[in-house]
Amino acid sequence: MKFISHLARTVFFVQVFMVTLSACNGAQSKTVTQNSKVMTDKQHPANPYYSRTDTTSLTLSDAVWKEVLSPELYEVARHGSTEQAFSGKYWDYEGRGSYHCAACGNRLFRSDAKFVTTCGWPSFFEAVRPNSVLYRKDSSFGMERTEVVCGRCKAHLGHVFDDGPPPTGKRFCMNSIALEFDQDKASPKKRP
């Protein structure tokens, strides 16, 4: 009886592991933890390249990025690591506003393009504008995928898949740590 219970637990954990591993079509093996602090332009004193308004392309050396980004963000944005499923602060976040690149501040997605998934990462069906994100072929880990990078600084954000909802059918599966959220300001109340 004890053997069957142990076997059932082992099978369960293997299944959970496989689902998590395949949830985003084989997320990369490096994992990072998520810092829950949300930043604004003024809160990035170590990163003079961060801007929520400048959309000009950034071409910086790896050494510069390593100096201005946190170690966790640097691993994802510059080395293509993937945070652990269900660990990021935005995977099930429901706030209304815009998502920006955590490395440079570029506006990437709107909350009204975010949808609920079971993959464990925040997912969107479209980017905020055509050049806010760019695409690269990714053949790592024996898979053919499409990597999504920031259109301004080329930071790794995640991957895009063709299993999303209408109207686009796309699922931009992003790393929370590569995103920052800017909540919509409440509309002023009209006086009667």
N, C-alpha and C. Protein backbone atom coordinates (compact mmCIF):
# COMPACT_ATOMS: atom_id res chain seq x y z
N MET A 1 0.82 -1.19 0.00
CA MET A 1 0.00 0.00 0.00
C MET A 1 0.86 1.26 0.00
N LYS A 2 1.95 1.25 0.82
CA LYS A 2 2.84 2.38 0.90
C LYS A 2 3.53 2.61 -0.45
N PHE A 3 3.90 1.53 -1.15
CA PHE A 3 4.54 1.61 -2.45
C PHE A 3 3.62 2.28 -3.47
N ILE A 4 2.33 1.90 -3.47
CA ILE A 4 1.36 2.48 -4.41
C ILE A 4 1.19 3.97 -4.14
N SER A 5 1.12 4.36 -2.87
CA SER A 5 1.00 5.76 -2.51
C SER A 5 2.22 6.55 -2.98
N HIS A 6 3.40 5.99 -2.76
CA HIS A 6 4.63 6.64 -3.21
C HIS A 6 4.66 6.74 -4.73
N LEU A 7 4.26 5.67 -5.41
CA LEU A 7 4.23 5.66 -6.87
C LEU A 7 3.24 6.70 -7.39
N ALA A 8 2.07 6.81 -6.78
CA ALA A 8 1.07 7.79 -7.20
C ALA A 8 1.60 9.21 -7.03
N ARG A 9 2.27 9.47 -5.91
CA ARG A 9 2.86 10.80 -5.68
C ARG A 9 3.94 11.10 -6.71
N THR A 10 4.76 10.13 -7.01
CA THR A 10 5.82 10.31 -7.99
C THR A 10 5.23 10.60 -9.37
N VAL A 11 4.24 9.84 -9.78
CA VAL A 11 3.58 10.06 -11.07
C VAL A 11 2.97 11.46 -11.11
N PHE A 12 2.32 11.88 -10.04
CA PHE A 12 1.71 13.21 -9.96
C PHE A 12 2.77 14.29 -10.16
N PHE A 13 3.89 14.21 -9.43
CA PHE A 13 4.93 15.22 -9.54
C PHE A 13 5.58 15.23 -10.92
N VAL A 14 5.74 14.07 -11.53
CA VAL A 14 6.27 14.02 -12.88
C VAL A 14 5.31 14.69 -13.86
N GLN A 15 4.01 14.43 -13.70
CA GLN A 15 3.01 15.07 -14.56
C GLN A 15 3.02 16.57 -14.39
N VAL A 16 3.05 17.07 -13.16
CA VAL A 16 3.09 18.51 -12.92
C VAL A 16 4.34 19.12 -13.54
N PHE A 17 5.46 18.44 -13.38
CA PHE A 17 6.71 18.92 -13.96
C PHE A 17 6.60 19.00 -15.48
N MET A 18 6.06 17.97 -16.11
CA MET A 18 5.95 17.94 -17.57
C MET A 18 4.99 19.02 -18.07
N VAL A 19 3.89 19.23 -17.38
CA VAL A 19 2.94 20.27 -17.78
C VAL A 19 3.60 21.63 -17.68
N THR A 20 4.30 21.87 -16.57
CA THR A 20 4.98 23.15 -16.39
C THR A 20 6.05 23.34 -17.44
N LEU A 21 6.81 22.30 -17.73
CA LEU A 21 7.87 22.38 -18.71
C LEU A 21 7.33 22.64 -20.11
N SER A 22 6.23 22.02 -20.44
CA SER A 22 5.69 22.18 -21.80
C SER A 22 4.68 23.31 -21.93
N ALA A 23 4.34 23.95 -20.84
CA ALA A 23 3.29 24.98 -20.87
C ALA A 23 3.59 26.07 -21.87
N CYS A 24 4.79 26.46 -21.99
CA CYS A 24 5.15 27.48 -22.97
C CYS A 24 6.06 26.87 -24.03
N ASN A 25 5.72 25.67 -24.44
CA ASN A 25 6.47 24.93 -25.45
C ASN A 25 7.94 24.81 -25.10
N GLY A 26 8.18 24.40 -23.86
CA GLY A 26 9.55 24.11 -23.45
C GLY A 26 10.33 25.33 -23.05
N ALA A 27 9.89 26.02 -22.04
CA ALA A 27 10.61 27.20 -21.59
C ALA A 27 12.06 26.86 -21.29
N GLN A 28 12.93 27.81 -21.47
CA GLN A 28 14.35 27.57 -21.29
C GLN A 28 14.65 27.14 -19.86
N SER A 29 15.79 26.46 -19.70
CA SER A 29 16.07 25.81 -18.43
C SER A 29 16.57 26.73 -17.33
N LYS A 30 17.16 27.88 -17.65
CA LYS A 30 17.60 28.78 -16.60
C LYS A 30 16.37 29.43 -15.97
N THR A 31 16.38 29.54 -14.66
CA THR A 31 15.26 30.19 -13.99
C THR A 31 15.77 31.31 -13.11
N VAL A 32 14.93 32.29 -12.92
CA VAL A 32 15.26 33.41 -12.04
C VAL A 32 14.07 33.69 -11.16
N THR A 33 14.32 34.38 -10.07
CA THR A 33 13.23 34.78 -9.20
C THR A 33 12.79 36.18 -9.56
N GLN A 34 11.63 36.57 -9.09
CA GLN A 34 11.04 37.84 -9.47
C GLN A 34 11.09 38.84 -8.33
N ASN A 35 11.58 40.02 -8.60
CA ASN A 35 11.53 41.11 -7.64
C ASN A 35 10.21 41.84 -7.88
N SER A 36 9.42 42.06 -6.85
CA SER A 36 8.07 42.58 -7.03
C SER A 36 7.99 44.10 -7.11
N LYS A 37 9.11 44.82 -7.06
CA LYS A 37 9.07 46.28 -7.08
C LYS A 37 8.79 46.79 -8.50
N VAL A 38 7.84 47.70 -8.64
CA VAL A 38 7.53 48.31 -9.93
C VAL A 38 8.29 49.62 -10.02
N MET A 39 8.93 49.87 -11.15
CA MET A 39 9.78 51.04 -11.31
C MET A 39 9.17 52.07 -12.25
N THR A 40 9.57 53.31 -12.10
CA THR A 40 9.23 54.38 -13.02
C THR A 40 10.53 55.04 -13.45
N ASP A 41 10.47 56.02 -14.39
CA ASP A 41 11.68 56.69 -14.86
C ASP A 41 12.54 57.19 -13.72
N LYS A 42 11.94 57.82 -12.74
CA LYS A 42 12.68 58.43 -11.63
C LYS A 42 13.27 57.39 -10.69
N GLN A 43 12.78 56.17 -10.72
CA GLN A 43 13.28 55.13 -9.83
C GLN A 43 14.36 54.27 -10.48
N HIS A 44 14.90 54.70 -11.60
CA HIS A 44 15.95 53.96 -12.30
C HIS A 44 17.25 54.76 -12.31
N PRO A 45 17.75 55.18 -11.16
CA PRO A 45 18.94 56.03 -11.16
C PRO A 45 20.18 55.33 -11.73
N ALA A 46 20.25 54.01 -11.63
CA ALA A 46 21.40 53.27 -12.15
C ALA A 46 21.30 53.01 -13.65
N ASN A 47 20.13 53.29 -14.24
CA ASN A 47 19.93 53.01 -15.66
C ASN A 47 19.56 54.30 -16.39
N PRO A 48 20.53 55.04 -16.88
CA PRO A 48 20.24 56.30 -17.59
C PRO A 48 19.59 56.08 -18.96
N TYR A 49 19.48 54.84 -19.40
CA TYR A 49 18.90 54.54 -20.71
C TYR A 49 17.41 54.25 -20.63
N TYR A 50 16.89 54.17 -19.42
CA TYR A 50 15.48 53.86 -19.20
C TYR A 50 14.63 55.10 -19.48
N SER A 51 13.59 54.93 -20.31
CA SER A 51 12.67 56.03 -20.60
C SER A 51 11.33 55.47 -21.03
N ARG A 52 10.27 56.04 -20.52
CA ARG A 52 8.92 55.65 -20.94
C ARG A 52 8.48 56.43 -22.18
N THR A 53 9.26 57.40 -22.63
CA THR A 53 8.87 58.23 -23.78
C THR A 53 9.80 58.08 -24.99
N ASP A 54 11.07 57.81 -24.78
CA ASP A 54 12.03 57.69 -25.87
C ASP A 54 11.88 56.33 -26.54
N THR A 55 11.69 56.32 -27.84
CA THR A 55 11.55 55.06 -28.57
C THR A 55 12.72 54.81 -29.52
N THR A 56 13.77 55.65 -29.46
CA THR A 56 14.91 55.43 -30.33
C THR A 56 15.64 54.15 -29.93
N SER A 57 16.17 53.46 -30.90
CA SER A 57 16.83 52.19 -30.69
C SER A 57 18.09 52.35 -29.83
N LEU A 58 18.28 51.40 -28.92
CA LEU A 58 19.45 51.39 -28.04
C LEU A 58 20.39 50.26 -28.48
N THR A 59 21.66 50.59 -28.63
CA THR A 59 22.68 49.59 -28.92
C THR A 59 23.78 49.78 -27.88
N LEU A 60 23.74 48.96 -26.85
CA LEU A 60 24.69 49.05 -25.75
C LEU A 60 25.45 47.74 -25.61
N SER A 61 26.65 47.81 -25.08
CA SER A 61 27.43 46.60 -24.88
C SER A 61 26.84 45.77 -23.75
N ASP A 62 27.18 44.50 -23.75
CA ASP A 62 26.74 43.61 -22.69
C ASP A 62 27.24 44.09 -21.33
N ALA A 63 28.45 44.64 -21.30
CA ALA A 63 29.02 45.15 -20.05
C ALA A 63 28.19 46.29 -19.48
N VAL A 64 27.70 47.17 -20.35
CA VAL A 64 26.86 48.29 -19.89
C VAL A 64 25.55 47.75 -19.33
N TRP A 65 24.92 46.81 -20.04
CA TRP A 65 23.65 46.25 -19.54
C TRP A 65 23.87 45.57 -18.19
N LYS A 66 24.97 44.86 -18.04
CA LYS A 66 25.24 44.18 -16.77
C LYS A 66 25.37 45.18 -15.63
N GLU A 67 25.88 46.35 -15.93
CA GLU A 67 26.05 47.39 -14.92
C GLU A 67 24.74 48.05 -14.52
N VAL A 68 23.81 48.21 -15.46
CA VAL A 68 22.59 48.99 -15.17
C VAL A 68 21.36 48.16 -14.83
N LEU A 69 21.41 46.84 -15.04
CA LEU A 69 20.26 45.99 -14.74
C LEU A 69 20.52 45.15 -13.50
N SER A 70 19.44 44.76 -12.82
CA SER A 70 19.59 43.83 -11.70
C SER A 70 20.11 42.50 -12.26
N PRO A 71 20.78 41.70 -11.44
CA PRO A 71 21.29 40.40 -11.94
C PRO A 71 20.18 39.51 -12.53
N GLU A 72 19.01 39.50 -11.90
CA GLU A 72 17.90 38.66 -12.39
C GLU A 72 17.39 39.15 -13.74
N LEU A 73 17.18 40.46 -13.87
CA LEU A 73 16.71 41.01 -15.13
C LEU A 73 17.78 40.85 -16.21
N TYR A 74 19.01 41.04 -15.86
CA TYR A 74 20.11 40.88 -16.81
C TYR A 74 20.12 39.47 -17.40
N GLU A 75 19.94 38.45 -16.57
CA GLU A 75 19.95 37.06 -17.05
C GLU A 75 18.82 36.80 -18.05
N VAL A 76 17.65 37.35 -17.80
CA VAL A 76 16.53 37.16 -18.73
C VAL A 76 16.69 38.04 -19.96
N ALA A 77 16.87 39.34 -19.75
CA ALA A 77 16.88 40.30 -20.87
C ALA A 77 18.07 40.14 -21.80
N ARG A 78 19.24 39.86 -21.26
CA ARG A 78 20.44 39.82 -22.09
C ARG A 78 20.91 38.41 -22.41
N HIS A 79 20.53 37.42 -21.60
CA HIS A 79 20.99 36.05 -21.85
C HIS A 79 19.86 35.09 -22.19
N GLY A 80 18.63 35.58 -22.28
CA GLY A 80 17.52 34.75 -22.71
C GLY A 80 17.04 33.73 -21.70
N SER A 81 17.34 33.94 -20.42
CA SER A 81 16.85 33.01 -19.40
C SER A 81 15.34 33.13 -19.28
N THR A 82 14.73 32.17 -18.60
CA THR A 82 13.29 32.17 -18.40
C THR A 82 12.99 32.03 -16.92
N GLU A 83 12.09 32.89 -16.43
CA GLU A 83 11.71 32.74 -15.03
C GLU A 83 10.85 31.50 -14.86
N GLN A 84 10.82 30.99 -13.67
CA GLN A 84 10.05 29.79 -13.37
C GLN A 84 8.56 30.07 -13.55
N ALA A 85 7.83 29.11 -14.12
CA ALA A 85 6.38 29.25 -14.31
C ALA A 85 5.69 29.54 -12.99
N PHE A 86 4.69 30.38 -13.03
CA PHE A 86 3.85 30.76 -11.88
C PHE A 86 4.62 31.51 -10.80
N SER A 87 5.82 31.98 -11.08
CA SER A 87 6.60 32.70 -10.07
C SER A 87 6.60 34.20 -10.29
N GLY A 88 6.30 34.66 -11.49
CA GLY A 88 6.35 36.08 -11.80
C GLY A 88 5.13 36.84 -11.28
N LYS A 89 5.33 38.12 -11.05
CA LYS A 89 4.26 38.93 -10.46
C LYS A 89 3.11 39.23 -11.41
N TYR A 90 3.27 39.04 -12.71
CA TYR A 90 2.21 39.40 -13.65
C TYR A 90 1.47 38.23 -14.27
N TRP A 91 1.83 37.00 -13.99
CA TRP A 91 1.21 35.88 -14.69
C TRP A 91 -0.30 35.84 -14.50
N ASP A 92 -0.79 36.26 -13.33
CA ASP A 92 -2.24 36.30 -13.11
C ASP A 92 -2.72 37.69 -12.68
N TYR A 93 -1.93 38.70 -12.96
CA TYR A 93 -2.25 40.08 -12.57
C TYR A 93 -3.37 40.61 -13.44
N GLU A 94 -4.30 41.37 -12.84
CA GLU A 94 -5.48 41.85 -13.58
C GLU A 94 -5.60 43.36 -13.62
N GLY A 95 -4.55 44.10 -13.30
CA GLY A 95 -4.61 45.57 -13.32
C GLY A 95 -4.83 46.12 -14.71
N ARG A 96 -5.36 47.34 -14.77
CA ARG A 96 -5.62 48.02 -16.05
C ARG A 96 -4.51 49.02 -16.31
N GLY A 97 -3.84 48.89 -17.45
CA GLY A 97 -2.76 49.81 -17.78
C GLY A 97 -1.87 49.27 -18.88
N SER A 98 -0.61 49.69 -18.86
CA SER A 98 0.36 49.33 -19.89
C SER A 98 1.53 48.58 -19.29
N TYR A 99 2.07 47.66 -20.08
CA TYR A 99 3.26 46.91 -19.71
C TYR A 99 4.43 47.45 -20.52
N HIS A 100 5.54 47.72 -19.83
CA HIS A 100 6.73 48.29 -20.45
C HIS A 100 7.91 47.34 -20.29
N CYS A 101 8.91 47.53 -21.13
CA CYS A 101 10.15 46.76 -21.02
C CYS A 101 10.85 47.19 -19.73
N ALA A 102 11.19 46.25 -18.88
CA ALA A 102 11.84 46.55 -17.61
C ALA A 102 13.29 47.01 -17.82
N ALA A 103 13.88 46.73 -18.96
CA ALA A 103 15.26 47.13 -19.22
C ALA A 103 15.37 48.56 -19.74
N CYS A 104 14.41 48.98 -20.57
CA CYS A 104 14.55 50.31 -21.20
C CYS A 104 13.31 51.20 -21.09
N GLY A 105 12.16 50.68 -20.65
CA GLY A 105 10.96 51.49 -20.50
C GLY A 105 10.04 51.52 -21.70
N ASN A 106 10.42 50.89 -22.80
CA ASN A 106 9.60 50.87 -24.02
C ASN A 106 8.22 50.27 -23.74
N ARG A 107 7.16 50.92 -24.21
CA ARG A 107 5.79 50.42 -24.04
C ARG A 107 5.58 49.23 -24.97
N LEU A 108 5.09 48.10 -24.40
CA LEU A 108 5.00 46.85 -25.14
C LEU A 108 3.57 46.34 -25.34
N PHE A 109 2.79 46.26 -24.25
CA PHE A 109 1.46 45.65 -24.29
C PHE A 109 0.48 46.45 -23.45
N ARG A 110 -0.81 46.35 -23.78
CA ARG A 110 -1.88 46.92 -22.97
C ARG A 110 -2.57 45.79 -22.22
N SER A 111 -3.10 46.12 -21.07
CA SER A 111 -3.78 45.10 -20.26
C SER A 111 -5.01 44.54 -20.95
N ASP A 112 -5.63 45.31 -21.84
CA ASP A 112 -6.82 44.78 -22.53
C ASP A 112 -6.45 43.75 -23.61
N ALA A 113 -5.15 43.54 -23.86
CA ALA A 113 -4.70 42.47 -24.76
C ALA A 113 -4.18 41.26 -23.97
N LYS A 114 -4.26 41.33 -22.65
CA LYS A 114 -3.80 40.23 -21.79
C LYS A 114 -4.95 39.24 -21.62
N PHE A 115 -4.62 37.96 -21.56
CA PHE A 115 -5.67 36.96 -21.37
C PHE A 115 -5.18 35.87 -20.42
N VAL A 116 -6.12 35.16 -19.86
CA VAL A 116 -5.82 34.11 -18.88
C VAL A 116 -5.33 32.86 -19.61
N THR A 117 -4.20 32.33 -19.13
CA THR A 117 -3.67 31.07 -19.65
C THR A 117 -3.27 30.18 -18.49
N THR A 118 -2.96 28.95 -18.79
CA THR A 118 -2.50 28.03 -17.75
C THR A 118 -1.01 27.77 -17.85
N CYS A 119 -0.30 28.56 -18.65
CA CYS A 119 1.13 28.32 -18.86
C CYS A 119 1.99 28.85 -17.71
N GLY A 120 1.49 29.79 -16.90
CA GLY A 120 2.25 30.30 -15.78
C GLY A 120 3.04 31.56 -16.06
N TRP A 121 2.87 32.13 -17.26
CA TRP A 121 3.52 33.39 -17.63
C TRP A 121 2.46 34.34 -18.16
N PRO A 122 2.65 35.66 -18.01
CA PRO A 122 1.69 36.60 -18.57
C PRO A 122 1.62 36.45 -20.08
N SER A 123 0.41 36.43 -20.61
CA SER A 123 0.21 36.23 -22.05
C SER A 123 -0.67 37.31 -22.63
N PHE A 124 -0.33 37.73 -23.83
CA PHE A 124 -1.03 38.81 -24.54
C PHE A 124 -1.32 38.34 -25.96
N PHE A 125 -2.40 38.87 -26.58
CA PHE A 125 -2.68 38.46 -27.96
C PHE A 125 -2.16 39.45 -28.99
N GLU A 126 -1.69 40.65 -28.55
CA GLU A 126 -1.08 41.58 -29.49
C GLU A 126 -0.22 42.60 -28.76
N ALA A 127 0.77 43.11 -29.48
CA ALA A 127 1.63 44.17 -28.95
C ALA A 127 0.92 45.51 -29.12
N VAL A 128 1.38 46.51 -28.40
CA VAL A 128 0.73 47.81 -28.41
C VAL A 128 0.87 48.54 -29.75
N ARG A 129 1.98 48.31 -30.46
CA ARG A 129 2.18 48.89 -31.80
C ARG A 129 3.11 47.96 -32.58
N PRO A 130 3.13 48.06 -33.90
CA PRO A 130 3.89 47.11 -34.71
C PRO A 130 5.37 46.97 -34.34
N ASN A 131 6.07 48.03 -34.03
CA ASN A 131 7.51 47.93 -33.77
C ASN A 131 7.85 47.94 -32.28
N SER A 132 6.88 47.79 -31.42
CA SER A 132 7.21 47.76 -29.99
C SER A 132 7.95 46.47 -29.64
N VAL A 133 7.70 45.41 -30.39
CA VAL A 133 8.44 44.16 -30.23
C VAL A 133 8.96 43.71 -31.58
N LEU A 134 10.03 42.95 -31.56
CA LEU A 134 10.61 42.37 -32.77
C LEU A 134 10.70 40.86 -32.57
N TYR A 135 10.94 40.15 -33.66
CA TYR A 135 10.93 38.69 -33.62
C TYR A 135 12.24 38.12 -34.15
N ARG A 136 12.67 37.02 -33.52
CA ARG A 136 13.87 36.31 -33.96
C ARG A 136 13.59 34.82 -33.94
N LYS A 137 14.18 34.12 -34.87
CA LYS A 137 14.09 32.65 -34.88
C LYS A 137 14.89 32.11 -33.71
N ASP A 138 14.31 31.17 -32.97
CA ASP A 138 14.97 30.55 -31.82
C ASP A 138 14.95 29.04 -32.01
N SER A 139 16.12 28.46 -32.22
CA SER A 139 16.24 27.01 -32.42
C SER A 139 16.85 26.32 -31.21
N SER A 140 16.85 26.98 -30.06
CA SER A 140 17.46 26.40 -28.87
C SER A 140 16.66 25.22 -28.35
N PHE A 141 17.32 24.36 -27.61
CA PHE A 141 16.70 23.20 -26.96
C PHE A 141 16.00 22.27 -27.94
N GLY A 142 16.46 22.25 -29.19
CA GLY A 142 15.92 21.33 -30.18
C GLY A 142 14.51 21.69 -30.65
N MET A 143 14.10 22.92 -30.43
CA MET A 143 12.75 23.36 -30.83
C MET A 143 12.86 24.53 -31.79
N GLU A 144 11.84 24.70 -32.61
CA GLU A 144 11.73 25.87 -33.47
C GLU A 144 10.68 26.79 -32.87
N ARG A 145 11.12 27.95 -32.38
CA ARG A 145 10.20 28.90 -31.76
C ARG A 145 10.50 30.29 -32.30
N THR A 146 9.61 31.22 -31.98
CA THR A 146 9.83 32.61 -32.33
C THR A 146 10.03 33.41 -31.05
N GLU A 147 11.24 33.92 -30.90
CA GLU A 147 11.58 34.74 -29.74
C GLU A 147 11.03 36.14 -29.92
N VAL A 148 10.57 36.74 -28.83
CA VAL A 148 10.08 38.12 -28.84
C VAL A 148 11.08 38.96 -28.06
N VAL A 149 11.55 40.05 -28.70
CA VAL A 149 12.48 40.96 -28.04
C VAL A 149 11.91 42.37 -28.08
N CYS A 150 12.37 43.20 -27.17
CA CYS A 150 11.94 44.60 -27.13
C CYS A 150 12.38 45.30 -28.41
N GLY A 151 11.49 46.08 -28.99
CA GLY A 151 11.80 46.80 -30.22
C GLY A 151 12.80 47.93 -30.03
N ARG A 152 13.01 48.35 -28.80
CA ARG A 152 13.95 49.45 -28.54
C ARG A 152 15.33 48.94 -28.13
N CYS A 153 15.41 48.01 -27.17
CA CYS A 153 16.72 47.60 -26.63
C CYS A 153 17.08 46.14 -26.95
N LYS A 154 16.19 45.43 -27.62
CA LYS A 154 16.40 44.03 -28.01
C LYS A 154 16.49 43.08 -26.81
N ALA A 155 15.92 43.47 -25.68
CA ALA A 155 15.89 42.59 -24.51
C ALA A 155 14.99 41.40 -24.79
N HIS A 156 15.42 40.22 -24.35
CA HIS A 156 14.59 39.03 -24.47
C HIS A 156 13.38 39.19 -23.56
N LEU A 157 12.18 38.99 -24.13
CA LEU A 157 10.94 39.10 -23.36
C LEU A 157 10.28 37.75 -23.17
N GLY A 158 10.36 36.89 -24.18
CA GLY A 158 9.70 35.59 -24.14
C GLY A 158 9.58 35.05 -25.56
N HIS A 159 8.45 34.36 -25.83
CA HIS A 159 8.21 33.78 -27.15
C HIS A 159 6.76 34.02 -27.55
N VAL A 160 6.49 33.91 -28.85
CA VAL A 160 5.12 34.03 -29.35
C VAL A 160 4.74 32.72 -30.01
N PHE A 161 3.48 32.32 -29.78
CA PHE A 161 2.96 31.06 -30.31
C PHE A 161 1.64 31.32 -31.02
N ASP A 162 1.23 30.38 -31.87
CA ASP A 162 0.00 30.52 -32.65
C ASP A 162 -1.19 29.82 -32.01
N ASP A 163 -1.28 29.84 -30.69
CA ASP A 163 -2.40 29.19 -30.01
C ASP A 163 -3.17 30.16 -29.11
N GLY A 164 -3.15 31.43 -29.48
CA GLY A 164 -3.84 32.46 -28.69
C GLY A 164 -5.27 32.67 -29.14
N PRO A 165 -5.97 33.55 -28.45
CA PRO A 165 -7.38 33.81 -28.76
C PRO A 165 -7.55 34.77 -29.95
N PRO A 166 -8.77 34.89 -30.46
CA PRO A 166 -9.06 35.90 -31.47
C PRO A 166 -8.86 37.28 -30.84
N PRO A 167 -8.59 38.30 -31.56
CA PRO A 167 -8.64 38.35 -33.02
C PRO A 167 -7.35 37.94 -33.70
N THR A 168 -6.22 37.81 -32.98
CA THR A 168 -4.94 37.55 -33.64
C THR A 168 -4.54 36.08 -33.67
N GLY A 169 -5.03 35.29 -32.72
CA GLY A 169 -4.62 33.90 -32.62
C GLY A 169 -3.21 33.74 -32.06
N LYS A 170 -2.62 34.83 -31.59
CA LYS A 170 -1.25 34.81 -31.06
C LYS A 170 -1.26 34.74 -29.53
N ARG A 171 -0.21 34.13 -28.99
CA ARG A 171 0.00 34.12 -27.54
C ARG A 171 1.44 34.57 -27.29
N PHE A 172 1.57 35.84 -26.90
CA PHE A 172 2.86 36.37 -26.50
C PHE A 172 3.09 35.94 -25.06
N CYS A 173 3.92 34.94 -24.86
CA CYS A 173 4.18 34.35 -23.55
C CYS A 173 5.44 35.02 -23.00
N MET A 174 5.26 35.96 -22.05
CA MET A 174 6.34 36.84 -21.61
C MET A 174 6.82 36.51 -20.20
N ASN A 175 8.04 36.88 -19.90
CA ASN A 175 8.60 36.78 -18.55
C ASN A 175 8.17 38.01 -17.76
N SER A 176 7.57 37.81 -16.60
CA SER A 176 7.16 38.95 -15.77
C SER A 176 8.33 39.86 -15.44
N ILE A 177 9.48 39.28 -15.16
CA ILE A 177 10.63 40.09 -14.75
C ILE A 177 11.08 41.03 -15.85
N ALA A 178 10.77 40.73 -17.10
CA ALA A 178 11.15 41.58 -18.22
C ALA A 178 10.13 42.70 -18.45
N LEU A 179 9.06 42.70 -17.64
CA LEU A 179 7.99 43.69 -17.79
C LEU A 179 7.87 44.57 -16.55
N GLU A 180 7.38 45.77 -16.77
CA GLU A 180 6.96 46.66 -15.69
C GLU A 180 5.57 47.15 -16.04
N PHE A 181 4.76 47.32 -15.03
CA PHE A 181 3.37 47.70 -15.23
C PHE A 181 3.16 49.15 -14.82
N ASP A 182 2.44 49.89 -15.65
CA ASP A 182 2.08 51.28 -15.36
C ASP A 182 0.55 51.34 -15.36
N GLN A 183 -0.01 51.49 -14.18
CA GLN A 183 -1.46 51.48 -14.02
C GLN A 183 -2.09 52.73 -14.64
N ASP A 184 -3.24 52.53 -15.29
CA ASP A 184 -4.00 53.66 -15.82
C ASP A 184 -4.39 54.59 -14.69
N LYS A 185 -4.31 55.86 -14.96
CA LYS A 185 -4.76 56.84 -13.97
C LYS A 185 -6.29 56.83 -13.96
N ALA A 186 -6.86 56.92 -12.79
CA ALA A 186 -8.33 56.96 -12.67
C ALA A 186 -8.85 58.23 -13.31
N SER A 187 -9.94 58.12 -14.05
CA SER A 187 -10.55 59.29 -14.64
C SER A 187 -11.08 60.19 -13.57
N PRO A 188 -10.87 61.50 -13.69
CA PRO A 188 -11.43 62.38 -12.67
C PRO A 188 -12.95 62.29 -12.67
N LYS A 189 -13.50 62.32 -11.46
CA LYS A 189 -14.96 62.25 -11.36
C LYS A 189 -15.57 63.56 -11.81
N LYS A 190 -16.64 63.42 -12.59
CA LYS A 190 -17.34 64.62 -13.07
C LYS A 190 -18.28 65.12 -11.98
N ARG A 191 -18.30 66.41 -11.86
CA ARG A 191 -19.20 67.02 -10.88
C ARG A 191 -20.61 67.08 -11.45
N PRO A 192 -21.59 66.89 -10.58
CA PRO A 192 -22.97 66.93 -11.09
C PRO A 192 -23.38 68.29 -11.57
